[in-house]
Amino acid sequence: MAGFLKSIFGAKKEAPGALELTLAEVPAWLDAREQEIHEGLDGLVLASRERALVAIEALRAQVRDLAGLQPPADQVMSPKLRRVVEQGIPRFISAMEKTLDTRLSTVPGEYYDDCVGIIAGTAKNMKGPGRYIATVYPKEMKEIRATLDIIGRDVNVLGKRLGPARTEAEAVSSARAAVSAIEAAIAEYRLLKKNSQDLSGLTGRETDDLRAAQEARARLMEGDEKRAADALSAEIAGLEEKGRAIAGEFEQLRSRSANVFRKAAHAAESEGEAKDAAAIEAFAASLTTPAAIDPEETVLRYRTLYPSLTALARRHDGIIKNRDEEDLFVSPENFIDQLTAIAKRWRENAARLQELREKREASGVERRIADAEKAVHIIEVRKAQDEQLLAEAREKMAALETEAPVRLEDLQAMLTAIRDEEARIIVHVPSDFPGTVETQQGHV
């Protein structure tokens, strides 16, 4: 019974198993598949081309024979038809010679186009001058069509094969592009992985360097030298404030005396005492800052002009007009003693300030702290840049890890379609490139 059923239904054909390929094996598999496509078409074209060449030669002979034909003796035709046929045969022969002057390619697609060109050209010629020729010479034109049909039948067969073959060739090309894209992704992933490992190690070392630089800066900031420098800085700040206060006293004294000197110089000039006026103006102009006061020269100049100043004040009531101004110039000593005392205090303060500043500068701790701050800043900037590069590398790796299974699935679907069988093709990628569990299993 089993044998009887088997004889009716036939043996069950086993489904083909899955084909497993490494990524490196895929290009060779595609080459072999493409070769199968070309070999099938090449064989078909070779046989067809031989028939087509024979047919073309036959067509050339049949077309040339038209030139020597004479209308049948028993055929009656109008003079107009006779004239059209007589003029049409040379044009038809010329047009057909151009149409048949085609070198048939051996490349399947090009060969198909060449044959289609001959068929289309001949059909056009038949509809042109050939239409009238066929009414007079139907047998000859029928033989031309019959010969052309040899090429037409082969073109039909080739066309049915060429379309699917072109589609499959395009699929092979697309699969090759997909393989190239995955190979490029693997190369990029490996480079990113190496770069991320290098950057990870580098940022780790930079973290250690930064910690060491920060500790060195902290030791300087918290050391005895820094405390001594801070004490000097505090004392310097106090002396700077004291210097500003002394300069304020000087400015106040100068302001209190300015009107007296100005009015005295004006009075001397009005009396014609130009020399006294110039001396008073020059002395007042010399009182710019405490540093400009010369203990000997300033005192001498003031004592020299004081008699003229007091004499002018006695002659002109408006020169000294209040008690404050009177106290300054009541004696030769009052104004100049206050002025020189302020200048002396300012010089002593400035000398001490300069001494402390030089002492602080000589210690070098501020410079070393500045260098330590710069070192910390440089490491922080470099570390931040490398951490950014590391983050970008990891982000790109994550994107590739997400895309990898999709790319592999797409490639496997392409290859399975090219194989044209129910069983799928599985592609295994190198183990250091992320993929699906299936594509990694059992392969290194």
Protein backbone atom coordinates (compact mmCIF):
# COMPACT_ATOMS: atom_id res chain seq x y z
CA MET A 1 0.00 0.00 0.00
CA ALA A 2 2.78 2.39 0.93
CA GLY A 3 4.46 1.69 -2.38
CA PHE A 4 1.20 2.34 -4.19
CA LEU A 5 0.71 5.72 -2.48
CA LYS A 6 4.32 6.66 -3.10
CA SER A 7 3.87 5.83 -6.80
CA ILE A 8 0.89 8.21 -6.90
CA PHE A 9 2.13 11.14 -4.83
CA GLY A 10 5.87 10.69 -5.26
CA ALA A 11 8.56 10.89 -2.60
CA LYS A 12 8.47 13.96 -0.34
CA LYS A 13 11.22 16.38 -1.25
CA GLU A 14 13.26 17.50 1.73
CA ALA A 15 13.46 21.26 2.27
CA PRO A 16 16.97 22.64 1.92
CA GLY A 17 18.77 23.48 5.14
CA ALA A 18 19.89 26.95 6.19
CA LEU A 19 23.10 28.11 4.55
CA GLU A 20 25.59 29.61 7.01
CA LEU A 21 28.29 31.94 5.73
CA THR A 22 30.83 34.16 7.39
CA LEU A 23 30.80 37.76 6.26
CA ALA A 24 34.14 37.18 4.50
CA GLU A 25 32.59 34.31 2.48
CA VAL A 26 29.63 36.36 1.20
CA PRO A 27 31.47 38.18 -1.66
CA ALA A 28 32.67 34.87 -3.14
CA TRP A 29 29.15 33.44 -2.82
CA LEU A 30 27.76 36.49 -4.63
CA ASP A 31 30.45 36.15 -7.32
CA ALA A 32 29.42 32.54 -7.89
CA ARG A 33 25.73 33.49 -8.06
CA GLU A 34 26.47 36.30 -10.50
CA GLN A 35 28.55 33.94 -12.61
CA GLU A 36 25.58 31.55 -12.79
CA ILE A 37 23.40 34.43 -14.00
CA HIS A 38 25.90 35.46 -16.66
CA GLU A 39 26.70 31.92 -17.76
CA GLY A 40 23.03 31.16 -18.37
CA LEU A 41 22.52 34.34 -20.34
CA ASP A 42 25.85 34.08 -22.15
CA GLY A 43 24.97 30.59 -23.42
CA LEU A 44 21.55 31.77 -24.54
CA VAL A 45 23.03 34.82 -26.30
CA LEU A 46 25.76 32.76 -27.98
CA ALA A 47 23.24 30.39 -29.60
CA SER A 48 20.86 33.21 -30.45
CA ARG A 49 23.60 35.40 -31.88
CA GLU A 50 24.66 32.69 -34.32
CA ARG A 51 21.08 32.40 -35.59
CA ALA A 52 20.69 36.18 -35.69
CA LEU A 53 23.86 36.64 -37.76
CA VAL A 54 22.65 34.05 -40.28
CA ALA A 55 19.25 35.75 -40.36
CA ILE A 56 20.85 39.18 -40.90
CA GLU A 57 22.87 37.88 -43.84
CA ALA A 58 19.73 36.32 -45.26
CA LEU A 59 17.89 39.63 -44.83
CA ARG A 60 20.67 41.50 -46.63
CA ALA A 61 20.43 39.02 -49.56
CA GLN A 62 16.65 39.23 -49.66
CA VAL A 63 16.76 43.04 -49.62
CA ARG A 64 19.41 43.16 -52.37
CA ASP A 65 17.29 40.79 -54.53
CA LEU A 66 14.50 43.36 -54.54
CA ALA A 67 16.59 45.61 -56.81
CA GLY A 68 16.43 43.14 -59.73
CA LEU A 69 12.73 42.28 -59.51
CA GLN A 70 10.30 43.02 -62.31
CA PRO A 71 6.54 43.25 -61.86
CA PRO A 72 4.67 40.08 -62.95
CA ALA A 73 3.58 40.25 -66.58
CA ASP A 74 -0.02 39.47 -65.74
CA GLN A 75 -0.26 42.06 -62.94
CA VAL A 76 -2.09 45.22 -63.82
CA MET A 77 -1.10 48.33 -61.82
CA SER A 78 -1.69 52.00 -62.17
CA PRO A 79 1.10 54.22 -63.42
CA LYS A 80 1.08 55.96 -60.04
CA LEU A 81 1.58 52.69 -58.13
CA ARG A 82 4.31 51.63 -60.54
CA ARG A 83 6.10 54.94 -59.98
CA VAL A 84 5.78 54.69 -56.20
CA VAL A 85 7.14 51.12 -56.18
CA GLU A 86 10.01 51.91 -58.54
CA GLN A 87 11.02 54.87 -56.36
CA GLY A 88 10.32 53.06 -53.10
CA ILE A 89 12.50 49.97 -53.68
CA PRO A 90 15.83 51.94 -53.64
CA ARG A 91 14.73 53.84 -50.53
CA PHE A 92 13.65 50.64 -48.82
CA ILE A 93 16.94 48.93 -49.71
CA SER A 94 18.94 51.92 -48.41
CA ALA A 95 16.93 52.10 -45.18
CA MET A 96 17.27 48.35 -44.60
CA GLU A 97 21.01 48.44 -45.18
CA LYS A 98 21.34 51.07 -42.47
CA THR A 99 19.12 49.07 -40.14
CA LEU A 100 21.07 45.86 -40.70
CA ASP A 101 24.44 47.60 -40.35
CA THR A 102 24.61 46.66 -36.68
CA ARG A 103 27.43 44.84 -34.89
CA LEU A 104 25.71 42.52 -32.49
CA SER A 105 27.19 42.73 -29.01
CA THR A 106 27.97 39.62 -26.96
CA VAL A 107 26.83 41.29 -23.74
CA PRO A 108 23.31 40.00 -23.01
CA GLY A 109 21.65 43.35 -22.35
CA GLU A 110 23.39 45.08 -25.23
CA TYR A 111 22.67 42.14 -27.58
CA TYR A 112 18.98 42.31 -26.68
CA ASP A 113 18.91 46.06 -27.41
CA ASP A 114 20.72 45.51 -30.75
CA CYS A 115 18.17 42.91 -31.86
CA VAL A 116 15.25 45.06 -30.75
CA GLY A 117 16.76 47.90 -32.79
CA ILE A 118 16.87 45.71 -35.94
CA ILE A 119 13.27 44.55 -35.42
CA ALA A 120 11.98 48.08 -34.77
CA GLY A 121 13.94 49.52 -37.71
CA THR A 122 12.68 46.86 -40.11
CA ALA A 123 9.09 47.35 -38.90
CA LYS A 124 9.41 51.07 -39.54
CA ASN A 125 10.80 50.43 -43.02
CA MET A 126 7.96 48.00 -43.76
CA LYS A 127 5.38 50.63 -42.84
CA GLY A 128 7.12 53.22 -44.98
CA PRO A 129 8.18 52.44 -48.56
CA GLY A 130 7.75 48.71 -47.89
CA ARG A 131 3.97 49.06 -47.61
CA TYR A 132 3.57 49.69 -51.37
CA ILE A 133 6.28 47.22 -52.32
CA ALA A 134 4.37 44.46 -50.51
CA THR A 135 1.32 45.00 -52.73
CA VAL A 136 3.40 44.19 -55.80
CA TYR A 137 5.87 41.69 -54.31
CA PRO A 138 3.98 40.04 -51.41
CA LYS A 139 5.99 36.80 -51.56
CA GLU A 140 9.38 38.53 -51.26
CA MET A 141 8.24 40.84 -48.44
CA LYS A 142 6.68 37.86 -46.65
CA GLU A 143 10.02 36.04 -46.82
CA ILE A 144 11.72 39.11 -45.30
CA ARG A 145 9.22 39.08 -42.43
CA ALA A 146 9.72 35.37 -41.95
CA THR A 147 13.47 35.81 -41.72
CA LEU A 148 13.00 38.68 -39.25
CA ASP A 149 10.76 36.42 -37.14
CA ILE A 150 13.81 34.20 -36.44
CA ILE A 151 15.41 37.12 -34.62
CA GLY A 152 12.07 38.06 -33.03
CA ARG A 153 11.52 34.62 -31.50
CA ASP A 154 14.99 34.65 -29.93
CA VAL A 155 14.40 38.19 -28.61
CA ASN A 156 11.17 37.08 -26.96
CA VAL A 157 12.91 34.15 -25.25
CA LEU A 158 15.84 36.34 -24.19
CA GLY A 159 13.51 39.09 -22.94
CA LYS A 160 11.75 36.65 -20.61
CA ARG A 161 15.10 35.66 -19.15
CA LEU A 162 16.79 39.04 -19.23
CA GLY A 163 14.32 40.90 -16.98
CA PRO A 164 14.60 38.51 -14.03
CA ALA A 165 18.36 38.22 -14.59
CA ARG A 166 18.73 41.99 -14.48
CA THR A 167 16.63 42.10 -11.31
CA GLU A 168 18.80 39.41 -9.72
CA ALA A 169 22.00 41.13 -10.84
CA GLU A 170 20.75 44.33 -9.24
CA ALA A 171 19.98 42.36 -6.08
CA VAL A 172 23.53 40.96 -6.11
CA SER A 173 24.88 44.50 -6.50
CA SER A 174 22.74 45.72 -3.60
CA ALA A 175 23.93 42.81 -1.46
CA ARG A 176 27.54 43.66 -2.28
CA ALA A 177 26.89 47.26 -1.20
CA ALA A 178 25.33 45.97 2.04
CA VAL A 179 28.40 43.79 2.69
CA SER A 180 30.69 46.77 2.05
CA ALA A 181 28.62 48.90 4.44
CA ILE A 182 28.86 46.24 7.17
CA GLU A 183 32.61 45.84 6.59
CA ALA A 184 33.01 49.61 6.85
CA ALA A 185 30.92 49.59 10.04
CA ILE A 186 33.12 46.81 11.48
CA ALA A 187 36.28 48.79 10.66
CA GLU A 188 34.76 51.94 12.17
CA TYR A 189 33.58 50.04 15.25
CA ARG A 190 37.01 48.53 15.83
CA LEU A 191 38.66 51.94 15.44
CA LEU A 192 36.14 53.54 17.80
CA LYS A 193 36.63 50.73 20.29
CA LYS A 194 40.42 51.16 20.23
CA ASN A 195 40.07 54.94 20.49
CA SER A 196 37.64 54.64 23.39
CA GLN A 197 40.01 52.25 25.18
CA ASP A 198 42.93 54.62 24.60
CA LEU A 199 40.87 57.63 25.69
CA SER A 200 39.57 55.78 28.73
CA GLY A 201 43.13 55.04 29.81
CA LEU A 202 44.18 58.58 29.01
CA THR A 203 41.36 60.19 30.99
CA GLY A 204 42.19 57.87 33.89
CA ARG A 205 45.79 59.11 33.85
CA GLU A 206 44.57 62.69 33.51
CA THR A 207 42.36 62.18 36.56
CA ASP A 208 45.44 61.07 38.51
CA ASP A 209 47.45 64.00 37.14
CA LEU A 210 44.67 66.42 38.05
CA ARG A 211 44.46 65.04 41.58
CA ALA A 212 48.23 65.39 41.98
CA ALA A 213 48.17 68.96 40.62
CA GLN A 214 45.28 69.91 42.91
CA GLU A 215 47.10 68.41 45.90
CA ALA A 216 50.28 70.33 45.01
CA ARG A 217 48.24 73.53 44.75
CA ALA A 218 46.56 72.78 48.09
CA ARG A 219 49.94 72.25 49.79
CA LEU A 220 51.11 75.62 48.53
CA MET A 221 47.84 77.30 49.53
CA GLU A 222 47.95 75.82 53.04
CA GLY A 223 51.72 75.98 53.70
CA ASP A 224 53.76 78.27 55.95
CA GLU A 225 55.05 80.23 52.98
CA LYS A 226 51.50 81.06 51.89
CA ARG A 227 50.54 82.09 55.42
CA ALA A 228 53.61 84.34 55.60
CA ALA A 229 52.76 85.77 52.18
CA ASP A 230 49.16 86.35 53.30
CA ALA A 231 50.42 88.17 56.39
CA LEU A 232 52.62 90.33 54.16
CA SER A 233 49.69 90.95 51.84
CA ALA A 234 47.52 92.01 54.77
CA GLU A 235 50.23 94.40 56.00
CA ILE A 236 50.73 95.67 52.46
CA ALA A 237 47.00 96.30 52.15
CA GLY A 238 47.09 98.27 55.42
CA LEU A 239 50.02 100.35 54.19
CA GLU A 240 48.29 100.95 50.86
CA GLU A 241 45.22 102.21 52.72
CA LYS A 242 47.46 104.38 54.91
CA GLY A 243 49.15 105.78 51.78
CA ARG A 244 45.76 106.71 50.36
CA ALA A 245 44.86 108.45 53.65
CA ILE A 246 48.14 110.44 53.63
CA ALA A 247 47.56 111.38 49.99
CA GLY A 248 44.08 112.57 51.03
CA GLU A 249 45.60 114.75 53.78
CA PHE A 250 48.02 116.18 51.25
CA GLU A 251 45.22 116.94 48.79
CA GLN A 252 43.19 118.60 51.52
CA LEU A 253 46.14 120.82 52.55
CA ARG A 254 46.89 121.70 48.94
CA SER A 255 43.25 122.58 48.37
CA ARG A 256 43.16 124.84 51.50
CA SER A 257 46.20 126.77 50.26
CA ALA A 258 45.36 126.90 46.56
CA ASN A 259 43.09 129.99 46.71
CA VAL A 260 45.63 131.98 48.72
CA PHE A 261 48.44 131.27 46.22
CA ARG A 262 46.16 132.02 43.26
CA LYS A 263 44.92 135.35 44.63
CA ALA A 264 48.42 136.37 45.78
CA ALA A 265 49.88 135.69 42.32
CA HIS A 266 47.05 137.74 40.76
CA ALA A 267 47.69 140.64 43.21
CA ALA A 268 51.44 140.62 42.49
CA GLU A 269 50.78 140.70 38.77
CA SER A 270 48.35 143.62 39.20
CA GLU A 271 51.07 145.51 41.08
CA GLY A 272 53.56 144.84 38.31
CA GLU A 273 55.55 142.32 40.33
CA ALA A 274 55.73 139.70 37.60
CA LYS A 275 58.67 137.88 39.16
CA ASP A 276 56.86 137.41 42.47
CA ALA A 277 53.70 136.34 40.63
CA ALA A 278 55.64 133.73 38.63
CA ALA A 279 57.40 132.40 41.76
CA ILE A 280 54.10 132.02 43.62
CA GLU A 281 52.43 130.25 40.65
CA ALA A 282 55.43 127.92 40.13
CA PHE A 283 55.47 126.94 43.82
CA ALA A 284 51.73 126.21 43.86
CA ALA A 285 52.07 124.17 40.65
CA SER A 286 54.85 122.06 42.22
CA LEU A 287 52.50 120.76 44.94
CA THR A 288 51.20 117.79 42.87
CA THR A 289 51.74 114.76 45.12
CA PRO A 290 53.49 113.95 48.37
CA ALA A 291 56.22 112.28 46.34
CA ALA A 292 56.91 115.61 44.56
CA ILE A 293 57.82 117.37 47.82
CA ASP A 294 61.58 117.80 48.28
CA PRO A 295 62.29 118.47 51.99
CA GLU A 296 65.08 120.95 51.31
CA GLU A 297 64.13 122.59 48.00
CA THR A 298 60.43 122.99 48.77
CA VAL A 299 61.12 124.51 52.20
CA LEU A 300 63.73 126.88 50.74
CA ARG A 301 61.43 128.04 47.93
CA TYR A 302 58.56 128.61 50.37
CA ARG A 303 60.68 130.57 52.81
CA THR A 304 61.97 132.71 49.94
CA LEU A 305 58.51 133.69 48.71
CA TYR A 306 56.85 133.92 52.18
CA PRO A 307 57.78 137.59 52.81
CA SER A 308 56.27 138.66 49.49
CA LEU A 309 53.20 136.48 50.19
CA THR A 310 52.51 138.05 53.61
CA ALA A 311 53.18 141.56 52.27
CA LEU A 312 50.66 141.05 49.49
CA ALA A 313 48.16 139.71 52.05
CA ARG A 314 48.55 142.86 54.15
CA ARG A 315 48.01 145.10 51.13
CA HIS A 316 45.06 143.12 49.76
CA ASP A 317 42.43 142.13 52.30
CA GLY A 318 40.79 139.52 50.04
CA ILE A 319 43.85 137.22 49.75
CA ILE A 320 43.33 135.62 53.18
CA LYS A 321 39.64 135.71 53.96
CA ASN A 322 39.02 133.09 56.70
CA ARG A 323 40.47 131.75 59.93
CA ASP A 324 41.62 128.49 58.35
CA GLU A 325 43.72 130.30 55.73
CA GLU A 326 45.03 132.70 58.40
CA ASP A 327 46.21 129.75 60.54
CA LEU A 328 48.12 128.32 57.57
CA PHE A 329 50.05 131.51 56.80
CA VAL A 330 50.25 133.26 60.18
CA SER A 331 53.88 132.23 60.51
CA PRO A 332 56.58 130.99 58.07
CA GLU A 333 56.41 127.52 59.66
CA ASN A 334 52.72 126.58 59.85
CA PHE A 335 52.02 125.66 56.21
CA ILE A 336 55.44 124.31 55.30
CA ASP A 337 55.75 122.25 58.50
CA GLN A 338 52.41 120.57 57.81
CA LEU A 339 53.36 120.02 54.18
CA THR A 340 56.75 118.48 54.91
CA ALA A 341 55.35 116.35 57.75
CA ILE A 342 52.75 114.86 55.39
CA ALA A 343 55.42 114.26 52.73
CA LYS A 344 57.73 112.61 55.28
CA ARG A 345 55.01 110.25 56.48
CA TRP A 346 54.13 109.40 52.90
CA ARG A 347 57.80 108.62 52.02
CA GLU A 348 58.22 106.46 55.10
CA ASN A 349 55.01 104.59 54.29
CA ALA A 350 56.01 104.19 50.62
CA ALA A 351 59.46 102.90 51.60
CA ARG A 352 57.97 100.31 53.95
CA LEU A 353 55.39 99.35 51.33
CA GLN A 354 58.12 98.83 48.72
CA GLU A 355 60.14 96.76 51.18
CA LEU A 356 57.23 94.44 51.95
CA ARG A 357 56.29 94.07 48.29
CA GLU A 358 59.85 93.08 47.41
CA LYS A 359 59.89 90.64 50.31
CA ARG A 360 56.65 89.04 49.16
CA GLU A 361 57.90 88.85 45.57
CA ALA A 362 61.20 87.33 46.71
CA SER A 363 59.38 84.49 48.49
CA GLY A 364 58.09 83.21 45.08
CA VAL A 365 55.09 81.46 46.64
CA GLU A 366 52.57 83.55 44.72
CA ARG A 367 54.30 82.70 41.46
CA ARG A 368 54.38 79.01 42.35
CA ILE A 369 50.69 79.14 43.26
CA ALA A 370 49.94 80.81 39.92
CA ASP A 371 51.94 78.11 38.13
CA ALA A 372 50.05 75.43 40.09
CA GLU A 373 46.71 77.06 39.14
CA LYS A 374 47.77 77.10 35.49
CA ALA A 375 48.81 73.44 35.64
CA VAL A 376 45.41 72.49 37.14
CA HIS A 377 43.59 74.50 34.48
CA ILE A 378 45.56 72.94 31.60
CA ILE A 379 44.86 69.41 32.85
CA GLU A 380 41.16 70.23 33.40
CA VAL A 381 40.79 71.56 29.85
CA ARG A 382 42.65 68.63 28.30
CA LYS A 383 40.70 66.13 30.42
CA ALA A 384 37.37 67.73 29.45
CA GLN A 385 38.29 67.57 25.75
CA ASP A 386 39.32 63.91 25.98
CA GLU A 387 36.18 63.06 27.96
CA GLN A 388 34.11 64.71 25.22
CA LEU A 389 35.92 62.65 22.57
CA LEU A 390 35.36 59.52 24.65
CA ALA A 391 31.64 60.30 24.99
CA GLU A 392 31.34 60.86 21.23
CA ALA A 393 33.18 57.58 20.49
CA ARG A 394 30.90 55.67 22.87
CA GLU A 395 27.84 57.32 21.35
CA LYS A 396 28.89 56.27 17.86
CA MET A 397 29.64 52.75 19.10
CA ALA A 398 26.17 52.57 20.67
CA ALA A 399 24.62 53.67 17.37
CA LEU A 400 26.56 50.98 15.48
CA GLU A 401 25.55 48.37 18.08
CA THR A 402 21.91 49.32 17.50
CA GLU A 403 22.24 49.30 13.71
CA ALA A 404 24.30 46.10 13.43
CA PRO A 405 21.49 43.52 13.91
CA VAL A 406 19.25 45.45 11.48
CA ARG A 407 21.99 45.59 8.85
CA LEU A 408 22.67 41.87 9.24
CA GLU A 409 18.98 41.00 9.01
CA ASP A 410 18.69 43.08 5.84
CA LEU A 411 21.72 41.39 4.29
CA GLN A 412 20.47 37.93 5.21
CA ALA A 413 17.08 38.76 3.67
CA MET A 414 18.79 39.92 0.46
CA LEU A 415 20.90 36.77 0.23
CA THR A 416 17.94 34.52 1.00
CA ALA A 417 15.96 36.19 -1.81
CA ILE A 418 18.90 35.73 -4.20
CA ARG A 419 19.18 32.05 -3.23
CA ASP A 420 15.49 31.72 -4.10
CA GLU A 421 14.85 28.85 -1.72
CA GLU A 422 12.74 28.52 1.39
CA ALA A 423 15.70 28.07 3.72
CA ARG A 424 17.33 31.28 4.86
CA ILE A 425 20.94 32.31 4.73
CA ILE A 426 22.65 33.19 8.01
CA VAL A 427 25.67 35.47 8.00
CA HIS A 428 28.15 35.35 10.86
CA VAL A 429 30.12 38.47 11.66
CA PRO A 430 33.41 38.65 13.61
CA SER A 431 32.85 38.19 17.33
CA ASP A 432 34.23 41.65 18.19
CA PHE A 433 31.43 43.30 16.20
CA PRO A 434 27.98 43.49 17.80
CA GLY A 435 25.26 41.45 16.13
CA THR A 436 22.41 39.15 17.00
CA VAL A 437 22.98 36.12 19.20
CA GLU A 438 22.29 33.90 16.20
CA THR A 439 24.90 35.51 14.02
CA GLN A 440 27.52 35.28 16.75
CA GLN A 441 26.94 31.72 17.91
CA GLY A 442 29.78 29.34 17.20
CA HIS A 443 31.91 31.80 15.24
CA VAL A 444 34.98 33.81 16.15
